[in-house]
Amino acid sequence: WSTCRTAIGKHMLRPKTVLQYVDVMNEVVTDFVNRLK
């Protein structure tokens, strides 16, 4: 478990890394709103 957690956390738990995905998440949200309509 520790090995898995360390490998994943190095990428997914860093605030700066997470913010790098704002644009792509926004693209998904745009398509989501269109899909709902």
PDB file of all heavy atoms in Angstrom:
ATOM      1  N   TRP A   1       0.830  -1.202   0.000  1.00  0.00           N
ATOM      2  CA  TRP A   1       0.000   0.000   0.000  1.00  0.00           C
ATOM      3  C   TRP A   1       0.867   1.256   0.000  1.00  0.00           C
ATOM      4  O   TRP A   1       0.594   2.216  -0.741  1.00  0.00           O
ATOM      5  CB  TRP A   1      -0.911   0.008   1.231  1.00  0.00           C
ATOM      6  CG  TRP A   1      -1.502   1.356   1.491  1.00  0.00           C
ATOM      7  CD1 TRP A   1      -2.585   1.916   0.877  1.00  0.00           C
ATOM      8  CD2 TRP A   1      -0.991   2.349   2.389  1.00  0.00           C
ATOM      9  NE1 TRP A   1      -2.788   3.181   1.348  1.00  0.00           N
ATOM     10  CE2 TRP A   1      -1.819   3.477   2.281  1.00  0.00           C
ATOM     11  CE3 TRP A   1       0.081   2.380   3.286  1.00  0.00           C
ATOM     12  CZ2 TRP A   1      -1.617   4.627   3.029  1.00  0.00           C
ATOM     13  CZ3 TRP A   1       0.285   3.538   4.033  1.00  0.00           C
ATOM     14  CH2 TRP A   1      -0.557   4.640   3.898  1.00  0.00           C
ATOM     15  N   SER A   2       1.905   1.280   0.815  1.00  0.00           N
ATOM     16  CA  SER A   2       2.770   2.449   0.904  1.00  0.00           C
ATOM     17  C   SER A   2       3.429   2.754  -0.436  1.00  0.00           C
ATOM     18  O   SER A   2       3.550   3.924  -0.835  1.00  0.00           O
ATOM     19  CB  SER A   2       3.838   2.226   1.983  1.00  0.00           C
ATOM     20  OG  SER A   2       4.675   3.344   2.094  1.00  0.00           O
ATOM     21  N   THR A   3       3.821   1.721  -1.141  1.00  0.00           N
ATOM     22  CA  THR A   3       4.441   1.914  -2.455  1.00  0.00           C
ATOM     23  C   THR A   3       3.461   2.557  -3.422  1.00  0.00           C
ATOM     24  O   THR A   3       3.795   3.501  -4.148  1.00  0.00           O
ATOM     25  CB  THR A   3       4.919   0.560  -3.022  1.00  0.00           C
ATOM     26  OG1 THR A   3       5.906   0.008  -2.145  1.00  0.00           O
ATOM     27  CG2 THR A   3       5.529   0.733  -4.403  1.00  0.00           C
ATOM     28  N   CYS A   4       2.222   2.048  -3.434  1.00  0.00           N
ATOM     29  CA  CYS A   4       1.192   2.602  -4.323  1.00  0.00           C
ATOM     30  C   CYS A   4       0.887   4.048  -3.950  1.00  0.00           C
ATOM     31  O   CYS A   4       0.797   4.925  -4.816  1.00  0.00           O
ATOM     32  CB  CYS A   4      -0.083   1.772  -4.236  1.00  0.00           C
ATOM     33  SG  CYS A   4       0.063   0.080  -4.841  1.00  0.00           S
ATOM     34  N   ARG A   5       0.721   4.282  -2.666  1.00  0.00           N
ATOM     35  CA  ARG A   5       0.352   5.618  -2.195  1.00  0.00           C
ATOM     36  C   ARG A   5       1.424   6.642  -2.537  1.00  0.00           C
ATOM     37  O   ARG A   5       1.124   7.760  -2.988  1.00  0.00           O
ATOM     38  CB  ARG A   5       0.133   5.562  -0.680  1.00  0.00           C
ATOM     39  CG  ARG A   5      -0.037   6.906  -0.002  1.00  0.00           C
ATOM     40  CD  ARG A   5      -1.376   7.497  -0.269  1.00  0.00           C
ATOM     41  NE  ARG A   5      -1.502   8.808   0.366  1.00  0.00           N
ATOM     42  CZ  ARG A   5      -2.639   9.411   0.592  1.00  0.00           C
ATOM     43  NH1 ARG A   5      -3.771   8.836   0.248  1.00  0.00           N
ATOM     44  NH2 ARG A   5      -2.681  10.611   1.154  1.00  0.00           N
ATOM     45  N   THR A   6       2.682   6.288  -2.329  1.00  0.00           N
ATOM     46  CA  THR A   6       3.782   7.206  -2.621  1.00  0.00           C
ATOM     47  C   THR A   6       3.827   7.552  -4.099  1.00  0.00           C
ATOM     48  O   THR A   6       3.990   8.719  -4.479  1.00  0.00           O
ATOM     49  CB  THR A   6       5.122   6.591  -2.182  1.00  0.00           C
ATOM     50  OG1 THR A   6       5.080   6.323  -0.774  1.00  0.00           O
ATOM     51  CG2 THR A   6       6.277   7.524  -2.486  1.00  0.00           C
ATOM     52  N   ALA A   7       3.683   6.536  -4.948  1.00  0.00           N
ATOM     53  CA  ALA A   7       3.743   6.762  -6.392  1.00  0.00           C
ATOM     54  C   ALA A   7       2.619   7.673  -6.864  1.00  0.00           C
ATOM     55  O   ALA A   7       2.822   8.568  -7.696  1.00  0.00           O
ATOM     56  CB  ALA A   7       3.668   5.414  -7.122  1.00  0.00           C
ATOM     57  N   ILE A   8       1.412   7.479  -6.337  1.00  0.00           N
ATOM     58  CA  ILE A   8       0.261   8.274  -6.759  1.00  0.00           C
ATOM     59  C   ILE A   8       0.296   9.672  -6.154  1.00  0.00           C
ATOM     60  O   ILE A   8       0.034  10.671  -6.824  1.00  0.00           O
ATOM     61  CB  ILE A   8      -1.045   7.546  -6.367  1.00  0.00           C
ATOM     62  CG1 ILE A   8      -1.188   6.276  -7.204  1.00  0.00           C
ATOM     63  CG2 ILE A   8      -2.257   8.446  -6.546  1.00  0.00           C
ATOM     64  CD1 ILE A   8      -2.267   5.345  -6.729  1.00  0.00           C
ATOM     65  N   GLY A   9       0.641   9.743  -4.873  1.00  0.00           N
ATOM     66  CA  GLY A   9       0.628  11.027  -4.184  1.00  0.00           C
ATOM     67  C   GLY A   9       1.598  12.038  -4.750  1.00  0.00           C
ATOM     68  O   GLY A   9       1.326  13.247  -4.723  1.00  0.00           O
ATOM     69  N   LYS A  10       2.712  11.572  -5.280  1.00  0.00           N
ATOM     70  CA  LYS A  10       3.711  12.489  -5.832  1.00  0.00           C
ATOM     71  C   LYS A  10       3.141  13.310  -6.979  1.00  0.00           C
ATOM     72  O   LYS A  10       3.633  14.403  -7.270  1.00  0.00           O
ATOM     73  CB  LYS A  10       4.937  11.697  -6.315  1.00  0.00           C
ATOM     74  CG  LYS A  10       5.844  11.234  -5.185  1.00  0.00           C
ATOM     75  CD  LYS A  10       7.062  10.509  -5.739  1.00  0.00           C
ATOM     76  CE  LYS A  10       8.007  10.095  -4.607  1.00  0.00           C
ATOM     77  NZ  LYS A  10       9.199   9.366  -5.113  1.00  0.00           N
ATOM     78  N   HIS A  11       2.118  12.785  -7.627  1.00  0.00           N
ATOM     79  CA  HIS A  11       1.538  13.506  -8.757  1.00  0.00           C
ATOM     80  C   HIS A  11       0.199  14.150  -8.393  1.00  0.00           C
ATOM     81  O   HIS A  11      -0.031  15.321  -8.694  1.00  0.00           O
ATOM     82  CB  HIS A  11       1.331  12.540  -9.931  1.00  0.00           C
ATOM     83  CG  HIS A  11       0.965  13.233 -11.216  1.00  0.00           C
ATOM     84  ND1 HIS A  11       1.871  13.937 -11.964  1.00  0.00           N
ATOM     85  CD2 HIS A  11      -0.229  13.325 -11.878  1.00  0.00           C
ATOM     86  CE1 HIS A  11       1.276  14.434 -13.033  1.00  0.00           C
ATOM     87  NE2 HIS A  11       0.002  14.081 -13.003  1.00  0.00           N
ATOM     88  N   MET A  12      -0.672  13.423  -7.716  1.00  0.00           N
ATOM     89  CA  MET A  12      -2.055  13.873  -7.553  1.00  0.00           C
ATOM     90  C   MET A  12      -2.281  14.757  -6.331  1.00  0.00           C
ATOM     91  O   MET A  12      -3.332  15.398  -6.225  1.00  0.00           O
ATOM     92  CB  MET A  12      -2.996  12.663  -7.470  1.00  0.00           C
ATOM     93  CG  MET A  12      -3.019  11.830  -8.725  1.00  0.00           C
ATOM     94  SD  MET A  12      -4.384  10.666  -8.771  1.00  0.00           S
ATOM     95  CE  MET A  12      -5.768  11.752  -9.111  1.00  0.00           C
ATOM     96  N   LEU A  13      -1.346  14.804  -5.400  1.00  0.00           N
ATOM     97  CA  LEU A  13      -1.560  15.566  -4.181  1.00  0.00           C
ATOM     98  C   LEU A  13      -0.777  16.877  -4.139  1.00  0.00           C
ATOM     99  O   LEU A  13      -0.826  17.595  -3.138  1.00  0.00           O
ATOM    100  CB  LEU A  13      -1.200  14.709  -2.958  1.00  0.00           C
ATOM    101  CG  LEU A  13      -2.184  13.568  -2.667  1.00  0.00           C
ATOM    102  CD1 LEU A  13      -1.666  12.693  -1.539  1.00  0.00           C
ATOM    103  CD2 LEU A  13      -3.562  14.127  -2.316  1.00  0.00           C
ATOM    104  N   ARG A  14      -0.082  17.204  -5.198  1.00  0.00           N
ATOM    105  CA  ARG A  14       0.650  18.460  -5.241  1.00  0.00           C
ATOM    106  C   ARG A  14      -0.266  19.559  -5.773  1.00  0.00           C
ATOM    107  O   ARG A  14      -0.760  19.477  -6.894  1.00  0.00           O
ATOM    108  CB  ARG A  14       1.879  18.339  -6.130  1.00  0.00           C
ATOM    109  CG  ARG A  14       2.966  17.442  -5.537  1.00  0.00           C
ATOM    110  CD  ARG A  14       4.132  17.279  -6.479  1.00  0.00           C
ATOM    111  NE  ARG A  14       5.205  16.517  -5.865  1.00  0.00           N
ATOM    112  CZ  ARG A  14       6.298  16.106  -6.516  1.00  0.00           C
ATOM    113  NH1 ARG A  14       6.427  16.396  -7.813  1.00  0.00           N
ATOM    114  NH2 ARG A  14       7.228  15.419  -5.900  1.00  0.00           N
ATOM    115  N   PRO A  15      -0.524  20.612  -4.986  1.00  0.00           N
ATOM    116  CA  PRO A  15      -1.452  21.665  -5.423  1.00  0.00           C
ATOM    117  C   PRO A  15      -1.116  22.262  -6.783  1.00  0.00           C
ATOM    118  O   PRO A  15      -2.016  22.492  -7.607  1.00  0.00           O
ATOM    119  CB  PRO A  15      -1.334  22.708  -4.301  1.00  0.00           C
ATOM    120  CG  PRO A  15      -0.945  21.918  -3.095  1.00  0.00           C
ATOM    121  CD  PRO A  15      -0.036  20.835  -3.610  1.00  0.00           C
ATOM    122  N   LYS A  16       0.157  22.517  -7.044  1.00  0.00           N
ATOM    123  CA  LYS A  16       0.536  23.100  -8.331  1.00  0.00           C
ATOM    124  C   LYS A  16       0.223  22.153  -9.487  1.00  0.00           C
ATOM    125  O   LYS A  16      -0.198  22.589 -10.561  1.00  0.00           O
ATOM    126  CB  LYS A  16       2.023  23.463  -8.325  1.00  0.00           C
ATOM    127  CG  LYS A  16       2.371  24.652  -7.447  1.00  0.00           C
ATOM    128  CD  LYS A  16       3.840  25.024  -7.570  1.00  0.00           C
ATOM    129  CE  LYS A  16       4.169  26.239  -6.717  1.00  0.00           C
ATOM    130  NZ  LYS A  16       5.617  26.612  -6.822  1.00  0.00           N
ATOM    131  N   THR A  17       0.431  20.868  -9.257  1.00  0.00           N
ATOM    132  CA  THR A  17       0.121  19.895 -10.300  1.00  0.00           C
ATOM    133  C   THR A  17      -1.372  19.852 -10.565  1.00  0.00           C
ATOM    134  O   THR A  17      -1.817  19.805 -11.719  1.00  0.00           O
ATOM    135  CB  THR A  17       0.619  18.500  -9.895  1.00  0.00           C
ATOM    136  OG1 THR A  17       2.027  18.539  -9.687  1.00  0.00           O
ATOM    137  CG2 THR A  17       0.305  17.473 -10.972  1.00  0.00           C
ATOM    138  N   VAL A  18      -2.168  19.873  -9.515  1.00  0.00           N
ATOM    139  CA  VAL A  18      -3.624  19.819  -9.667  1.00  0.00           C
ATOM    140  C   VAL A  18      -4.125  21.028 -10.446  1.00  0.00           C
ATOM    141  O   VAL A  18      -4.985  20.903 -11.336  1.00  0.00           O
ATOM    142  CB  VAL A  18      -4.293  19.743  -8.281  1.00  0.00           C
ATOM    143  CG1 VAL A  18      -5.815  19.811  -8.417  1.00  0.00           C
ATOM    144  CG2 VAL A  18      -3.897  18.449  -7.571  1.00  0.00           C
ATOM    145  N   LEU A  19      -3.588  22.211 -10.156  1.00  0.00           N
ATOM    146  CA  LEU A  19      -4.023  23.425 -10.855  1.00  0.00           C
ATOM    147  C   LEU A  19      -3.707  23.375 -12.348  1.00  0.00           C
ATOM    148  O   LEU A  19      -4.370  24.045 -13.151  1.00  0.00           O
ATOM    149  CB  LEU A  19      -3.368  24.654 -10.222  1.00  0.00           C
ATOM    150  CG  LEU A  19      -3.926  25.082  -8.855  1.00  0.00           C
ATOM    151  CD1 LEU A  19      -3.078  26.197  -8.252  1.00  0.00           C
ATOM    152  CD2 LEU A  19      -5.376  25.526  -8.973  1.00  0.00           C
ATOM    153  N   GLN A  20      -2.722  22.589 -12.735  1.00  0.00           N
ATOM    154  CA  GLN A  20      -2.389  22.475 -14.158  1.00  0.00           C
ATOM    155  C   GLN A  20      -3.520  21.845 -14.971  1.00  0.00           C
ATOM    156  O   GLN A  20      -3.550  21.958 -16.197  1.00  0.00           O
ATOM    157  CB  GLN A  20      -1.111  21.650 -14.327  1.00  0.00           C
ATOM    158  CG  GLN A  20       0.148  22.329 -13.805  1.00  0.00           C
ATOM    159  CD  GLN A  20       1.368  21.420 -13.867  1.00  0.00           C
ATOM    160  OE1 GLN A  20       1.299  20.292 -14.356  1.00  0.00           O
ATOM    161  NE2 GLN A  20       2.494  21.913 -13.367  1.00  0.00           N
ATOM    162  N   TYR A  21      -4.452  21.191 -14.268  1.00  0.00           N
ATOM    163  CA  TYR A  21      -5.549  20.518 -14.963  1.00  0.00           C
ATOM    164  C   TYR A  21      -6.830  21.348 -15.011  1.00  0.00           C
ATOM    165  O   TYR A  21      -7.862  20.854 -15.457  1.00  0.00           O
ATOM    166  CB  TYR A  21      -5.831  19.174 -14.286  1.00  0.00           C
ATOM    167  CG  TYR A  21      -4.751  18.144 -14.498  1.00  0.00           C
ATOM    168  CD1 TYR A  21      -3.797  17.906 -13.518  1.00  0.00           C
ATOM    169  CD2 TYR A  21      -4.660  17.433 -15.695  1.00  0.00           C
ATOM    170  CE1 TYR A  21      -2.788  16.965 -13.707  1.00  0.00           C
ATOM    171  CE2 TYR A  21      -3.655  16.498 -15.900  1.00  0.00           C
ATOM    172  CZ  TYR A  21      -2.718  16.275 -14.893  1.00  0.00           C
ATOM    173  OH  TYR A  21      -1.716  15.348 -15.095  1.00  0.00           O
ATOM    174  N   VAL A  22      -6.778  22.604 -14.573  1.00  0.00           N
ATOM    175  CA  VAL A  22      -7.980  23.442 -14.591  1.00  0.00           C
ATOM    176  C   VAL A  22      -8.527  23.596 -16.001  1.00  0.00           C
ATOM    177  O   VAL A  22      -9.741  23.471 -16.241  1.00  0.00           O
ATOM    178  CB  VAL A  22      -7.685  24.823 -13.964  1.00  0.00           C
ATOM    179  CG1 VAL A  22      -8.801  25.815 -14.298  1.00  0.00           C
ATOM    180  CG2 VAL A  22      -7.547  24.702 -12.457  1.00  0.00           C
ATOM    181  N   ASP A  23      -7.655  23.860 -16.963  1.00  0.00           N
ATOM    182  CA  ASP A  23      -8.123  24.100 -18.332  1.00  0.00           C
ATOM    183  C   ASP A  23      -8.808  22.871 -18.933  1.00  0.00           C
ATOM    184  O   ASP A  23      -9.880  22.974 -19.525  1.00  0.00           O
ATOM    185  CB  ASP A  23      -6.952  24.533 -19.230  1.00  0.00           C
ATOM    186  CG  ASP A  23      -6.457  25.937 -18.891  1.00  0.00           C
ATOM    187  OD1 ASP A  23      -7.201  26.687 -18.214  1.00  0.00           O
ATOM    188  OD2 ASP A  23      -5.333  26.280 -19.284  1.00  0.00           O
ATOM    189  N   VAL A  24      -8.193  21.714 -18.761  1.00  0.00           N
ATOM    190  CA  VAL A  24      -8.799  20.510 -19.340  1.00  0.00           C
ATOM    191  C   VAL A  24     -10.085  20.141 -18.596  1.00  0.00           C
ATOM    192  O   VAL A  24     -11.050  19.667 -19.209  1.00  0.00           O
ATOM    193  CB  VAL A  24      -7.793  19.337 -19.346  1.00  0.00           C
ATOM    194  CG1 VAL A  24      -7.526  18.818 -17.924  1.00  0.00           C
ATOM    195  CG2 VAL A  24      -8.300  18.195 -20.221  1.00  0.00           C
ATOM    196  N   MET A  25     -10.120  20.388 -17.294  1.00  0.00           N
ATOM    197  CA  MET A  25     -11.366  20.140 -16.558  1.00  0.00           C
ATOM    198  C   MET A  25     -12.463  21.086 -17.013  1.00  0.00           C
ATOM    199  O   MET A  25     -13.636  20.702 -17.101  1.00  0.00           O
ATOM    200  CB  MET A  25     -11.127  20.288 -15.056  1.00  0.00           C
ATOM    201  CG  MET A  25     -10.340  19.150 -14.425  1.00  0.00           C
ATOM    202  SD  MET A  25     -10.131  19.389 -12.636  1.00  0.00           S
ATOM    203  CE  MET A  25      -9.216  17.899 -12.204  1.00  0.00           C
ATOM    204  N   ASN A  26     -12.094  22.323 -17.323  1.00  0.00           N
ATOM    205  CA  ASN A  26     -13.077  23.273 -17.829  1.00  0.00           C
ATOM    206  C   ASN A  26     -13.612  22.851 -19.191  1.00  0.00           C
ATOM    207  O   ASN A  26     -14.794  23.044 -19.498  1.00  0.00           O
ATOM    208  CB  ASN A  26     -12.462  24.673 -17.922  1.00  0.00           C
ATOM    209  CG  ASN A  26     -12.630  25.464 -16.638  1.00  0.00           C
ATOM    210  OD1 ASN A  26     -13.644  25.357 -15.955  1.00  0.00           O
ATOM    211  ND2 ASN A  26     -11.627  26.269 -16.295  1.00  0.00           N
ATOM    212  N   GLU A  27     -12.755  22.282 -20.026  1.00  0.00           N
ATOM    213  CA  GLU A  27     -13.218  21.769 -21.318  1.00  0.00           C
ATOM    214  C   GLU A  27     -14.256  20.674 -21.123  1.00  0.00           C
ATOM    215  O   GLU A  27     -15.264  20.609 -21.834  1.00  0.00           O
ATOM    216  CB  GLU A  27     -12.021  21.229 -22.114  1.00  0.00           C
ATOM    217  CG  GLU A  27     -11.053  22.290 -22.594  1.00  0.00           C
ATOM    218  CD  GLU A  27      -9.835  21.680 -23.277  1.00  0.00           C
ATOM    219  OE1 GLU A  27      -9.836  20.439 -23.499  1.00  0.00           O
ATOM    220  OE2 GLU A  27      -8.889  22.417 -23.583  1.00  0.00           O
ATOM    221  N   VAL A  28     -13.998  19.816 -20.146  1.00  0.00           N
ATOM    222  CA  VAL A  28     -14.951  18.745 -19.854  1.00  0.00           C
ATOM    223  C   VAL A  28     -16.263  19.331 -19.342  1.00  0.00           C
ATOM    224  O   VAL A  28     -17.353  18.892 -19.742  1.00  0.00           O
ATOM    225  CB  VAL A  28     -14.361  17.756 -18.823  1.00  0.00           C
ATOM    226  CG1 VAL A  28     -15.410  16.739 -18.382  1.00  0.00           C
ATOM    227  CG2 VAL A  28     -13.149  17.033 -19.405  1.00  0.00           C
ATOM    228  N   VAL A  29     -16.182  20.341 -18.480  1.00  0.00           N
ATOM    229  CA  VAL A  29     -17.391  20.952 -17.932  1.00  0.00           C
ATOM    230  C   VAL A  29     -18.211  21.623 -19.033  1.00  0.00           C
ATOM    231  O   VAL A  29     -19.448  21.566 -19.027  1.00  0.00           O
ATOM    232  CB  VAL A  29     -17.037  21.966 -16.827  1.00  0.00           C
ATOM    233  CG1 VAL A  29     -18.281  22.740 -16.389  1.00  0.00           C
ATOM    234  CG2 VAL A  29     -16.435  21.258 -15.629  1.00  0.00           C
ATOM    235  N   THR A  30     -17.554  22.249 -19.989  1.00  0.00           N
ATOM    236  CA  THR A  30     -18.270  22.856 -21.116  1.00  0.00           C
ATOM    237  C   THR A  30     -19.086  21.806 -21.856  1.00  0.00           C
ATOM    238  O   THR A  30     -20.277  22.004 -22.151  1.00  0.00           O
ATOM    239  CB  THR A  30     -17.281  23.521 -22.083  1.00  0.00           C
ATOM    240  OG1 THR A  30     -16.606  24.593 -21.419  1.00  0.00           O
ATOM    241  CG2 THR A  30     -18.010  24.079 -23.304  1.00  0.00           C
ATOM    242  N   ASP A  31     -18.469  20.673 -22.138  1.00  0.00           N
ATOM    243  CA  ASP A  31     -19.179  19.592 -22.820  1.00  0.00           C
ATOM    244  C   ASP A  31     -20.277  19.011 -21.928  1.00  0.00           C
ATOM    245  O   ASP A  31     -21.326  18.580 -22.427  1.00  0.00           O
ATOM    246  CB  ASP A  31     -18.197  18.490 -23.224  1.00  0.00           C
ATOM    247  CG  ASP A  31     -17.244  18.937 -24.317  1.00  0.00           C
ATOM    248  OD1 ASP A  31     -17.537  19.951 -24.979  1.00  0.00           O
ATOM    249  OD2 ASP A  31     -16.192  18.284 -24.502  1.00  0.00           O
ATOM    250  N   PHE A  32     -20.051  19.002 -20.627  1.00  0.00           N
ATOM    251  CA  PHE A  32     -21.032  18.483 -19.684  1.00  0.00           C
ATOM    252  C   PHE A  32     -22.297  19.350 -19.691  1.00  0.00           C
ATOM    253  O   PHE A  32     -23.423  18.836 -19.747  1.00  0.00           O
ATOM    254  CB  PHE A  32     -20.406  18.448 -18.286  1.00  0.00           C
ATOM    255  CG  PHE A  32     -21.344  18.091 -17.176  1.00  0.00           C
ATOM    256  CD1 PHE A  32     -22.127  16.947 -17.232  1.00  0.00           C
ATOM    257  CD2 PHE A  32     -21.429  18.901 -16.054  1.00  0.00           C
ATOM    258  CE1 PHE A  32     -22.983  16.615 -16.183  1.00  0.00           C
ATOM    259  CE2 PHE A  32     -22.275  18.579 -15.005  1.00  0.00           C
ATOM    260  CZ  PHE A  32     -23.061  17.442 -15.080  1.00  0.00           C
ATOM    261  N   VAL A  33     -22.123  20.657 -19.638  1.00  0.00           N
ATOM    262  CA  VAL A  33     -23.273  21.571 -19.661  1.00  0.00           C
ATOM    263  C   VAL A  33     -24.047  21.408 -20.962  1.00  0.00           C
ATOM    264  O   VAL A  33     -25.292  21.347 -20.966  1.00  0.00           O
ATOM    265  CB  VAL A  33     -22.811  23.030 -19.481  1.00  0.00           C
ATOM    266  CG1 VAL A  33     -23.960  24.003 -19.771  1.00  0.00           C
ATOM    267  CG2 VAL A  33     -22.284  23.240 -18.070  1.00  0.00           C
ATOM    268  N   ASN A  34     -23.323  21.299 -22.070  1.00  0.00           N
ATOM    269  CA  ASN A  34     -23.995  21.093 -23.364  1.00  0.00           C
ATOM    270  C   ASN A  34     -24.738  19.759 -23.393  1.00  0.00           C
ATOM    271  O   ASN A  34     -25.833  19.663 -23.964  1.00  0.00           O
ATOM    272  CB  ASN A  34     -22.977  21.160 -24.499  1.00  0.00           C
ATOM    273  CG  ASN A  34     -22.402  22.553 -24.689  1.00  0.00           C
ATOM    274  OD1 ASN A  34     -23.041  23.552 -24.335  1.00  0.00           O
ATOM    275  ND2 ASN A  34     -21.206  22.634 -25.233  1.00  0.00           N
ATOM    276  N   ARG A  35     -24.137  18.754 -22.783  1.00  0.00           N
ATOM    277  CA  ARG A  35     -24.776  17.435 -22.726  1.00  0.00           C
ATOM    278  C   ARG A  35     -26.061  17.498 -21.893  1.00  0.00           C
ATOM    279  O   ARG A  35     -27.081  16.901 -22.271  1.00  0.00           O
ATOM    280  CB  ARG A  35     -23.798  16.433 -22.118  1.00  0.00           C
ATOM    281  CG  ARG A  35     -24.385  15.067 -21.792  1.00  0.00           C
ATOM    282  CD  ARG A  35     -24.513  14.182 -23.001  1.00  0.00           C
ATOM    283  NE  ARG A  35     -25.263  12.976 -22.692  1.00  0.00           N
ATOM    284  CZ  ARG A  35     -25.523  12.012 -23.565  1.00  0.00           C
ATOM    285  NH1 ARG A  35     -25.085  12.114 -24.805  1.00  0.00           N
ATOM    286  NH2 ARG A  35     -26.216  10.954 -23.208  1.00  0.00           N
ATOM    287  N   LEU A  36     -26.039  18.200 -20.766  1.00  0.00           N
ATOM    288  CA  LEU A  36     -27.233  18.335 -19.937  1.00  0.00           C
ATOM    289  C   LEU A  36     -28.363  19.009 -20.711  1.00  0.00           C
ATOM    290  O   LEU A  36     -29.524  18.571 -20.666  1.00  0.00           O
ATOM    291  CB  LEU A  36     -26.912  19.145 -18.681  1.00  0.00           C
ATOM    292  CG  LEU A  36     -26.012  18.489 -17.631  1.00  0.00           C
ATOM    293  CD1 LEU A  36     -25.727  19.468 -16.495  1.00  0.00           C
ATOM    294  CD2 LEU A  36     -26.637  17.217 -17.074  1.00  0.00           C
ATOM    295  N   LYS A  37     -28.026  20.086 -21.436  1.00  0.00           N
ATOM    296  CA  LYS A  37     -29.046  20.797 -22.206  1.00  0.00           C
ATOM    297  C   LYS A  37     -29.610  19.920 -23.321  1.00  0.00           C
ATOM    298  O   LYS A  37     -30.826  19.882 -23.541  1.00  0.00           O
ATOM    299  CB  LYS A  37     -28.457  22.084 -22.791  1.00  0.00           C
ATOM    300  CG  LYS A  37     -28.120  23.120 -21.737  1.00  0.00           C
ATOM    301  CD  LYS A  37     -27.516  24.375 -22.368  1.00  0.00           C
ATOM    302  CE  LYS A  37     -27.236  25.436 -21.307  1.00  0.00           C
ATOM    303  NZ  LYS A  37     -26.634  26.663 -21.883  1.00  0.00           N
TER     304      LYS A  37
END
